């Protein structure tokens, strides 16, 4: 075999191996990126879940505390009497 033929054979072998190497590198890059994204999502969940639980509890307690003040039955009765008195005056 001449030197140029050996060189051509070696170049063809490198080209065929290069395809496998590039596919392997692409797969590893994809898996690494996916792993990094998964770690980021898990970290965000670890941070966000306690904050959301606290916020939900805070809102529920705030609504529970305000419900007794704003939904007092006496307030509604007073408003009803005021409306009745006002309509009586308008009819006269």
PDB file of N, CA and C in Angstrom:
ATOM      1  N   UNK A   1       0.829  -1.187   0.000  1.00  0.00           N
ATOM      2  CA  UNK A   1       0.000   0.000   0.000  1.00  0.00           C
ATOM      3  C   UNK A   1       0.869   1.244   0.000  1.00  0.00           C
ATOM      4  N   UNK A   2       0.467   2.160  -0.771  1.00  0.00           N
ATOM      5  CA  UNK A   2       1.213   3.415  -0.829  1.00  0.00           C
ATOM      6  C   UNK A   2       0.822   4.276   0.361  1.00  0.00           C
ATOM      7  N   UNK A   3       1.632   5.267   0.628  1.00  0.00           N
ATOM      8  CA  UNK A   3       1.404   6.147   1.771  1.00  0.00           C
ATOM      9  C   UNK A   3       0.077   6.888   1.648  1.00  0.00           C
ATOM     10  N   UNK A   4      -0.263   7.340   0.444  1.00  0.00           N
ATOM     11  CA  UNK A   4      -1.507   8.087   0.244  1.00  0.00           C
ATOM     12  C   UNK A   4      -2.723   7.196   0.464  1.00  0.00           C
ATOM     13  N   UNK A   5      -2.608   5.917   0.108  1.00  0.00           N
ATOM     14  CA  UNK A   5      -3.732   5.003   0.348  1.00  0.00           C
ATOM     15  C   UNK A   5      -3.905   4.756   1.841  1.00  0.00           C
ATOM     16  N   UNK A   6      -2.809   4.577   2.567  1.00  0.00           N
ATOM     17  CA  UNK A   6      -2.895   4.399   4.022  1.00  0.00           C
ATOM     18  C   UNK A   6      -3.497   5.643   4.670  1.00  0.00           C
ATOM     19  N   UNK A   7      -3.071   6.787   4.177  1.00  0.00           N
ATOM     20  CA  UNK A   7      -3.595   8.047   4.701  1.00  0.00           C
ATOM     21  C   UNK A   7      -5.104   8.146   4.459  1.00  0.00           C
ATOM     22  N   UNK A   8      -5.552   7.747   3.271  1.00  0.00           N
ATOM     23  CA  UNK A   8      -6.979   7.788   2.951  1.00  0.00           C
ATOM     24  C   UNK A   8      -7.761   6.827   3.840  1.00  0.00           C
ATOM     25  N   UNK A   9      -7.219   5.647   4.096  1.00  0.00           N
ATOM     26  CA  UNK A   9      -7.898   4.668   4.953  1.00  0.00           C
ATOM     27  C   UNK A   9      -8.005   5.193   6.377  1.00  0.00           C
ATOM     28  N   UNK A  10      -6.929   5.780   6.870  1.00  0.00           N
ATOM     29  CA  UNK A  10      -6.941   6.331   8.234  1.00  0.00           C
ATOM     30  C   UNK A  10      -7.946   7.474   8.343  1.00  0.00           C
ATOM     31  N   UNK A  11      -8.003   8.327   7.336  1.00  0.00           N
ATOM     32  CA  UNK A  11      -8.958   9.443   7.344  1.00  0.00           C
ATOM     33  C   UNK A  11     -10.394   8.919   7.346  1.00  0.00           C
ATOM     34  N   UNK A  12     -10.680   7.889   6.583  1.00  0.00           N
ATOM     35  CA  UNK A  12     -12.026   7.301   6.566  1.00  0.00           C
ATOM     36  C   UNK A  12     -12.379   6.703   7.928  1.00  0.00           C
ATOM     37  N   UNK A  13     -11.412   6.041   8.573  1.00  0.00           N
ATOM     38  CA  UNK A  13     -11.672   5.481   9.897  1.00  0.00           C
ATOM     39  C   UNK A  13     -11.953   6.589  10.915  1.00  0.00           C
ATOM     40  N   UNK A  14     -11.191   7.659  10.826  1.00  0.00           N
ATOM     41  CA  UNK A  14     -11.414   8.789  11.737  1.00  0.00           C
ATOM     42  C   UNK A  14     -12.792   9.395  11.498  1.00  0.00           C
ATOM     43  N   UNK A  15     -13.191   9.529  10.226  1.00  0.00           N
ATOM     44  CA  UNK A  15     -14.514  10.091   9.911  1.00  0.00           C
ATOM     45  C   UNK A  15     -15.630   9.211  10.462  1.00  0.00           C
ATOM     46  N   UNK A  16     -15.500   7.889  10.314  1.00  0.00           N
ATOM     47  CA  UNK A  16     -16.555   6.999  10.810  1.00  0.00           C
ATOM     48  C   UNK A  16     -16.595   7.021  12.340  1.00  0.00           C
ATOM     49  N   UNK A  17     -15.423   7.080  12.966  1.00  0.00           N
ATOM     50  CA  UNK A  17     -15.399   7.161  14.430  1.00  0.00           C
ATOM     51  C   UNK A  17     -15.874   8.525  14.920  1.00  0.00           C
ATOM     52  N   UNK A  18     -15.622   9.556  14.133  1.00  0.00           N
ATOM     53  CA  UNK A  18     -16.012  10.906  14.522  1.00  0.00           C
ATOM     54  C   UNK A  18     -17.527  11.026  14.657  1.00  0.00           C
ATOM     55  N   UNK A  19     -18.268  10.334  13.799  1.00  0.00           N
ATOM     56  CA  UNK A  19     -19.729  10.361  13.898  1.00  0.00           C
ATOM     57  C   UNK A  19     -20.177   9.809  15.245  1.00  0.00           C
ATOM     58  N   UNK A  20     -19.583   8.682  15.652  1.00  0.00           N
ATOM     59  CA  UNK A  20     -19.949   8.096  16.945  1.00  0.00           C
ATOM     60  C   UNK A  20     -19.536   9.001  18.102  1.00  0.00           C
ATOM     61  N   UNK A  21     -18.385   9.608  17.977  1.00  0.00           N
ATOM     62  CA  UNK A  21     -17.907  10.511  19.030  1.00  0.00           C
ATOM     63  C   UNK A  21     -18.830  11.719  19.149  1.00  0.00           C
ATOM     64  N   UNK A  22     -19.228  12.293  18.011  1.00  0.00           N
ATOM     65  CA  UNK A  22     -20.118  13.459  18.048  1.00  0.00           C
ATOM     66  C   UNK A  22     -21.482  13.103  18.623  1.00  0.00           C
ATOM     67  N   UNK A  23     -22.001  11.933  18.249  1.00  0.00           N
ATOM     68  CA  UNK A  23     -23.282  11.493  18.811  1.00  0.00           C
ATOM     69  C   UNK A  23     -23.143  11.295  20.317  1.00  0.00           C
ATOM     70  N   UNK A  24     -22.045  10.685  20.735  1.00  0.00           N
ATOM     71  CA  UNK A  24     -21.812  10.489  22.170  1.00  0.00           C
ATOM     72  C   UNK A  24     -21.703  11.797  22.923  1.00  0.00           C
ATOM     73  N   UNK A  25     -20.992  12.753  22.352  1.00  0.00           N
ATOM     74  CA  UNK A  25     -20.854  14.065  22.991  1.00  0.00           C
ATOM     75  C   UNK A  25     -22.207  14.769  23.062  1.00  0.00           C
ATOM     76  N   UNK A  26     -22.993  14.659  21.993  1.00  0.00           N
ATOM     77  CA  UNK A  26     -24.316  15.292  21.990  1.00  0.00           C
ATOM     78  C   UNK A  26     -25.216  14.667  23.055  1.00  0.00           C
ATOM     79  N   UNK A  27     -25.181  13.347  23.172  1.00  0.00           N
ATOM     80  CA  UNK A  27     -26.006  12.671  24.185  1.00  0.00           C
ATOM     81  C   UNK A  27     -25.562  13.078  25.586  1.00  0.00           C
ATOM     82  N   UNK A  28     -24.257  13.098  25.820  1.00  0.00           N
ATOM     83  CA  UNK A  28     -23.760  13.513  27.135  1.00  0.00           C
ATOM     84  C   UNK A  28     -24.128  14.960  27.450  1.00  0.00           C
ATOM     85  N   UNK A  29     -24.049  15.836  26.453  1.00  0.00           N
ATOM     86  CA  UNK A  29     -24.422  17.236  26.670  1.00  0.00           C
ATOM     87  C   UNK A  29     -25.905  17.350  26.998  1.00  0.00           C
ATOM     88  N   UNK A  30     -26.731  16.592  26.279  1.00  0.00           N
ATOM     89  CA  UNK A  30     -28.173  16.615  26.532  1.00  0.00           C
ATOM     90  C   UNK A  30     -28.484  16.111  27.936  1.00  0.00           C
ATOM     91  N   UNK A  31     -27.842  15.005  28.327  1.00  0.00           N
ATOM     92  CA  UNK A  31     -28.071  14.458  29.667  1.00  0.00           C
ATOM     93  C   UNK A  31     -27.573  15.413  30.749  1.00  0.00           C
ATOM     94  N   UNK A  32     -26.432  16.035  30.509  1.00  0.00           N
ATOM     95  CA  UNK A  32     -25.898  16.991  31.482  1.00  0.00           C
ATOM     96  C   UNK A  32     -26.826  18.187  31.624  1.00  0.00           C
ATOM     97  N   UNK A  33     -27.298  18.706  30.495  1.00  0.00           N
ATOM     98  CA  UNK A  33     -28.232  19.834  30.537  1.00  0.00           C
ATOM     99  C   UNK A  33     -29.511  19.442  31.268  1.00  0.00           C
ATOM    100  N   UNK A  34     -30.036  18.257  30.971  1.00  0.00           N
ATOM    101  CA  UNK A  34     -31.236  17.782  31.658  1.00  0.00           C
ATOM    102  C   UNK A  34     -31.011  17.624  33.146  1.00  0.00           C
ATOM    103  N   UNK A  35     -29.848  17.132  33.518  1.00  0.00           N
ATOM    104  CA  UNK A  35     -29.521  16.962  34.931  1.00  0.00           C
ATOM    105  C   UNK A  35     -29.447  18.313  35.635  1.00  0.00           C
ATOM    106  N   UNK A  36     -28.834  19.293  34.970  1.00  0.00           N
ATOM    107  CA  UNK A  36     -28.734  20.635  35.559  1.00  0.00           C
ATOM    108  C   UNK A  36     -30.121  21.257  35.706  1.00  0.00           C
ATOM    109  N   UNK A  37     -30.960  21.093  34.698  1.00  0.00           N
ATOM    110  CA  UNK A  37     -32.324  21.627  34.769  1.00  0.00           C
ATOM    111  C   UNK A  37     -33.100  20.939  35.889  1.00  0.00           C
ATOM    112  N   UNK A  38     -32.945  19.618  36.014  1.00  0.00           N
ATOM    113  CA  UNK A  38     -33.646  18.885  37.070  1.00  0.00           C
ATOM    114  C   UNK A  38     -33.206  19.367  38.448  1.00  0.00           C
ATOM    115  N   UNK A  39     -31.912  19.585  38.621  1.00  0.00           N
ATOM    116  CA  UNK A  39     -31.426  20.093  39.910  1.00  0.00           C
ATOM    117  C   UNK A  39     -31.998  21.487  40.178  1.00  0.00           C
ATOM    118  N   UNK A  40     -32.072  22.327  39.149  1.00  0.00           N
ATOM    119  CA  UNK A  40     -32.644  23.661  39.314  1.00  0.00           C
ATOM    120  C   UNK A  40     -34.113  23.617  39.693  1.00  0.00           C
ATOM    121  N   UNK A  41     -34.867  22.745  39.054  1.00  0.00           N
ATOM    122  CA  UNK A  41     -36.301  22.627  39.366  1.00  0.00           C
ATOM    123  C   UNK A  41     -36.494  22.123  40.789  1.00  0.00           C
ATOM    124  N   UNK A  42     -35.716  21.120  41.168  1.00  0.00           N
ATOM    125  CA  UNK A  42     -35.834  20.588  42.531  1.00  0.00           C
ATOM    126  C   UNK A  42     -35.467  21.664  43.553  1.00  0.00           C
ATOM    127  N   UNK A  43     -34.433  22.434  43.267  1.00  0.00           N
ATOM    128  CA  UNK A  43     -34.038  23.514  44.176  1.00  0.00           C
ATOM    129  C   UNK A  43     -35.141  24.560  44.288  1.00  0.00           C
ATOM    130  N   UNK A  44     -35.734  24.933  43.171  1.00  0.00           N
ATOM    131  CA  UNK A  44     -36.835  25.904  43.215  1.00  0.00           C
ATOM    132  C   UNK A  44     -38.015  25.376  44.014  1.00  0.00           C
ATOM    133  N   UNK A  45     -38.325  24.090  43.848  1.00  0.00           N
ATOM    134  CA  UNK A  45     -39.422  23.511  44.619  1.00  0.00           C
ATOM    135  C   UNK A  45     -39.105  23.504  46.105  1.00  0.00           C
ATOM    136  N   UNK A  46     -37.864  23.170  46.438  1.00  0.00           N
ATOM    137  CA  UNK A  46     -37.474  23.156  47.852  1.00  0.00           C
ATOM    138  C   UNK A  46     -37.610  24.552  48.454  1.00  0.00           C
ATOM    139  N   UNK A  47     -37.308  25.567  47.666  1.00  0.00           N
ATOM    140  CA  UNK A  47     -37.418  26.941  48.163  1.00  0.00           C
ATOM    141  C   UNK A  47     -38.867  27.422  48.139  1.00  0.00           C
ATOM    142  N   UNK A  48     -39.605  27.097  47.080  1.00  0.00           N
ATOM    143  CA  UNK A  48     -40.929  27.688  46.871  1.00  0.00           C
ATOM    144  C   UNK A  48     -42.014  27.049  47.731  1.00  0.00           C
ATOM    145  N   UNK A  49     -41.937  25.750  47.985  1.00  0.00           N
ATOM    146  CA  UNK A  49     -43.027  25.084  48.706  1.00  0.00           C
ATOM    147  C   UNK A  49     -43.215  25.667  50.111  1.00  0.00           C
ATOM    148  N   UNK A  50     -42.177  25.845  50.924  1.00  0.00           N
ATOM    149  CA  UNK A  50     -42.414  26.458  52.239  1.00  0.00           C
ATOM    150  C   UNK A  50     -42.940  27.887  52.146  1.00  0.00           C
ATOM    151  N   UNK A  51     -42.450  28.646  51.159  1.00  0.00           N
ATOM    152  CA  UNK A  51     -42.937  30.022  51.003  1.00  0.00           C
ATOM    153  C   UNK A  51     -44.415  30.019  50.640  1.00  0.00           C
ATOM    154  N   UNK A  52     -44.818  29.135  49.720  1.00  0.00           N
ATOM    155  CA  UNK A  52     -46.228  29.069  49.330  1.00  0.00           C
ATOM    156  C   UNK A  52     -47.102  28.579  50.480  1.00  0.00           C
ATOM    157  N   UNK A  53     -46.608  27.637  51.264  1.00  0.00           N
ATOM    158  CA  UNK A  53     -47.378  27.180  52.430  1.00  0.00           C
ATOM    159  C   UNK A  53     -47.568  28.313  53.424  1.00  0.00           C
ATOM    160  N   UNK A  54     -46.499  29.053  53.688  1.00  0.00           N
ATOM    161  CA  UNK A  54     -46.608  30.185  54.605  1.00  0.00           C
ATOM    162  C   UNK A  54     -47.596  31.217  54.071  1.00  0.00           C
ATOM    163  N   UNK A  55     -47.510  31.524  52.778  1.00  0.00           N
ATOM    164  CA  UNK A  55     -48.386  32.529  52.184  1.00  0.00           C
ATOM    165  C   UNK A  55     -49.843  32.083  52.266  1.00  0.00           C
ATOM    166  N   UNK A  56     -50.087  30.799  51.974  1.00  0.00           N
ATOM    167  CA  UNK A  56     -51.451  30.283  52.038  1.00  0.00           C
ATOM    168  C   UNK A  56     -51.979  30.354  53.465  1.00  0.00           C
ATOM    169  N   UNK A  57     -51.164  29.961  54.436  1.00  0.00           N
ATOM    170  CA  UNK A  57     -51.582  30.028  55.837  1.00  0.00           C
ATOM    171  C   UNK A  57     -51.830  31.470  56.251  1.00  0.00           C
ATOM    172  N   UNK A  58     -50.961  32.367  55.816  1.00  0.00           N
ATOM    173  CA  UNK A  58     -51.118  33.780  56.144  1.00  0.00           C
ATOM    174  C   UNK A  58     -52.433  34.322  55.589  1.00  0.00           C
ATOM    175  N   UNK A  59     -52.717  33.998  54.322  1.00  0.00           N
ATOM    176  CA  UNK A  59     -53.953  34.485  53.704  1.00  0.00           C
ATOM    177  C   UNK A  59     -55.181  33.888  54.388  1.00  0.00           C
ATOM    178  N   UNK A  60     -55.105  32.581  54.715  1.00  0.00           N
ATOM    179  CA  UNK A  60     -56.247  31.934  55.370  1.00  0.00           C
ATOM    180  C   UNK A  60     -56.495  32.553  56.744  1.00  0.00           C
ATOM    181  N   UNK A  61     -55.434  32.782  57.499  1.00  0.00           N
ATOM    182  CA  UNK A  61     -55.601  33.389  58.821  1.00  0.00           C
ATOM    183  C   UNK A  61     -56.114  34.816  58.711  1.00  0.00           C
ATOM    184  N   UNK A  62     -55.632  35.543  57.722  1.00  0.00           N
ATOM    185  CA  UNK A  62     -56.102  36.914  57.526  1.00  0.00           C
ATOM    186  C   UNK A  62     -57.588  36.924  57.166  1.00  0.00           C
ATOM    187  N   UNK A  63     -57.983  36.008  56.284  1.00  0.00           N
ATOM    188  CA  UNK A  63     -59.397  35.930  55.907  1.00  0.00           C
ATOM    189  C   UNK A  63     -60.245  35.495  57.098  1.00  0.00           C
ATOM    190  N   UNK A  64     -59.720  34.569  57.889  1.00  0.00           N
ATOM    191  CA  UNK A  64     -60.460  34.086  59.053  1.00  0.00           C
ATOM    192  C   UNK A  64     -60.616  35.200  60.082  1.00  0.00           C
ATOM    193  N   UNK A  65     -59.579  36.002  60.282  1.00  0.00           N
ATOM    194  CA  UNK A  65     -59.653  37.093  61.256  1.00  0.00           C
ATOM    195  C   UNK A  65     -60.577  38.201  60.773  1.00  0.00           C
ATOM    196  N   UNK A  66     -60.559  38.491  59.490  1.00  0.00           N
ATOM    197  CA  UNK A  66     -61.410  39.551  58.954  1.00  0.00           C
ATOM    198  C   UNK A  66     -62.857  39.114  58.817  1.00  0.00           C
ATOM    199  N   UNK A  67     -63.096  37.805  58.708  1.00  0.00           N
ATOM    200  CA  UNK A  67     -64.463  37.355  58.472  1.00  0.00           C
ATOM    201  C   UNK A  67     -65.347  37.645  59.675  1.00  0.00           C
ATOM    202  N   UNK A  68     -64.807  37.533  60.883  1.00  0.00           N
ATOM    203  CA  UNK A  68     -65.608  37.807  62.072  1.00  0.00           C
ATOM    204  C   UNK A  68     -65.945  39.272  62.200  1.00  0.00           C
ATOM    205  N   UNK A  69     -65.091  40.139  61.716  1.00  0.00           N
ATOM    206  CA  UNK A  69     -65.320  41.573  61.848  1.00  0.00           C
ATOM    207  C   UNK A  69     -66.294  42.081  60.785  1.00  0.00           C
ATOM    208  N   UNK A  70     -66.087  41.657  59.559  1.00  0.00           N
ATOM    209  CA  UNK A  70     -66.878  42.229  58.478  1.00  0.00           C
ATOM    210  C   UNK A  70     -68.219  41.519  58.291  1.00  0.00           C
ATOM    211  N   UNK A  71     -68.353  40.316  58.836  1.00  0.00           N
ATOM    212  CA  UNK A  71     -69.583  39.556  58.619  1.00  0.00           C
ATOM    213  C   UNK A  71     -70.429  39.485  59.894  1.00  0.00           C
ATOM    214  N   UNK A  72     -70.350  40.510  60.693  1.00  0.00           N
ATOM    215  CA  UNK A  72     -71.145  40.524  61.913  1.00  0.00           C
ATOM    216  C   UNK A  72     -72.607  40.748  61.538  1.00  0.00           C
ATOM    217  N   UNK A  73     -73.480  39.942  62.115  1.00  0.00           N
ATOM    218  CA  UNK A  73     -74.899  39.996  61.729  1.00  0.00           C
ATOM    219  C   UNK A  73     -75.535  41.327  62.126  1.00  0.00           C
ATOM    220  N   UNK A  74     -75.041  41.928  63.216  1.00  0.00           N
ATOM    221  CA  UNK A  74     -75.615  43.209  63.643  1.00  0.00           C
ATOM    222  C   UNK A  74     -75.381  44.301  62.602  1.00  0.00           C
ATOM    223  N   UNK A  75     -74.253  44.246  61.930  1.00  0.00           N
ATOM    224  CA  UNK A  75     -73.995  45.242  60.888  1.00  0.00           C
ATOM    225  C   UNK A  75     -75.022  45.130  59.772  1.00  0.00           C
ATOM    226  N   UNK A  76     -75.350  43.899  59.387  1.00  0.00           N
ATOM    227  CA  UNK A  76     -76.341  43.721  58.327  1.00  0.00           C
ATOM    228  C   UNK A  76     -77.719  44.184  58.781  1.00  0.00           C
ATOM    229  N   UNK A  77     -78.048  43.907  60.026  1.00  0.00           N
ATOM    230  CA  UNK A  77     -79.363  44.326  60.530  1.00  0.00           C
ATOM    231  C   UNK A  77     -79.448  45.847  60.545  1.00  0.00           C
ATOM    232  N   UNK A  78     -78.407  46.511  61.024  1.00  0.00           N
ATOM    233  CA  UNK A  78     -78.410  47.974  61.039  1.00  0.00           C
ATOM    234  C   UNK A  78     -78.562  48.538  59.633  1.00  0.00           C
ATOM    235  N   UNK A  79     -77.862  47.963  58.684  1.00  0.00           N
ATOM    236  CA  UNK A  79     -77.963  48.428  57.304  1.00  0.00           C
ATOM    237  C   UNK A  79     -79.377  48.222  56.788  1.00  0.00           C
ATOM    238  N   UNK A  80     -79.984  47.072  57.106  1.00  0.00           N
ATOM    239  CA  UNK A  80     -81.350  46.820  56.651  1.00  0.00           C
ATOM    240  C   UNK A  80     -82.314  47.849  57.231  1.00  0.00           C
ATOM    241  N   UNK A  81     -82.177  48.176  58.509  1.00  0.00           N
ATOM    242  CA  UNK A  81     -83.057  49.177  59.104  1.00  0.00           C
ATOM    243  C   UNK A  81     -82.851  50.544  58.467  1.00  0.00           C
ATOM    244  N   UNK A  82     -81.622  50.872  58.179  1.00  0.00           N
ATOM    245  CA  UNK A  82     -81.365  52.155  57.528  1.00  0.00           C
ATOM    246  C   UNK A  82     -82.018  52.202  56.153  1.00  0.00           C
ATOM    247  N   UNK A  83     -81.958  51.116  55.410  1.00  0.00           N
ATOM    248  CA  UNK A  83     -82.591  51.080  54.091  1.00  0.00           C
ATOM    249  C   UNK A  83     -84.102  51.194  54.235  1.00  0.00           C
ATOM    250  N   UNK A  84     -84.670  50.494  55.199  1.00  0.00           N
ATOM    251  CA  UNK A  84     -86.126  50.547  55.396  1.00  0.00           C
ATOM    252  C   UNK A  84     -86.556  51.964  55.775  1.00  0.00           C
ATOM    253  N   UNK A  85     -85.842  52.581  56.722  1.00  0.00           N
ATOM    254  CA  UNK A  85     -86.187  53.945  57.135  1.00  0.00           C
ATOM    255  C   UNK A  85     -86.055  54.919  55.965  1.00  0.00           C
ATOM    256  N   UNK A  86     -85.026  54.742  55.171  1.00  0.00           N
ATOM    257  CA  UNK A  86     -84.819  55.634  54.033  1.00  0.00           C
ATOM    258  C   UNK A  86     -85.947  55.484  53.014  1.00  0.00           C
ATOM    259  N   UNK A  87     -86.362  54.254  52.754  1.00  0.00           N
ATOM    260  CA  UNK A  87     -87.443  54.057  51.785  1.00  0.00           C
ATOM    261  C   UNK A  87     -88.768  54.569  52.337  1.00  0.00           C
ATOM    262  N   UNK A  88     -88.986  54.464  53.636  1.00  0.00           N
ATOM    263  CA  UNK A  88     -90.218  54.999  54.224  1.00  0.00           C
ATOM    264  C   UNK A  88     -90.279  56.510  54.053  1.00  0.00           C
ATOM    265  N   UNK A  89     -89.143  57.157  54.273  1.00  0.00           N
ATOM    266  CA  UNK A  89     -89.105  58.609  54.133  1.00  0.00           C
ATOM    267  C   UNK A  89     -89.348  59.022  52.689  1.00  0.00           C
ATOM    268  N   UNK A  90     -88.831  58.249  51.747  1.00  0.00           N
ATOM    269  CA  UNK A  90     -89.004  58.592  50.340  1.00  0.00           C
ATOM    270  C   UNK A  90     -90.450  58.416  49.901  1.00  0.00           C
ATOM    271  N   UNK A  91     -91.155  57.452  50.487  1.00  0.00           N
ATOM    272  CA  UNK A  91     -92.534  57.198  50.084  1.00  0.00           C
ATOM    273  C   UNK A  91     -93.475  58.288  50.583  1.00  0.00           C
ATOM    274  N   UNK A  92     -93.145  58.913  51.704  1.00  0.00           N
ATOM    275  CA  UNK A  92     -94.015  59.947  52.271  1.00  0.00           C
ATOM    276  C   UNK A  92     -93.984  61.178  51.471  1.00  0.00           C
TER     277      UNK A  92
END
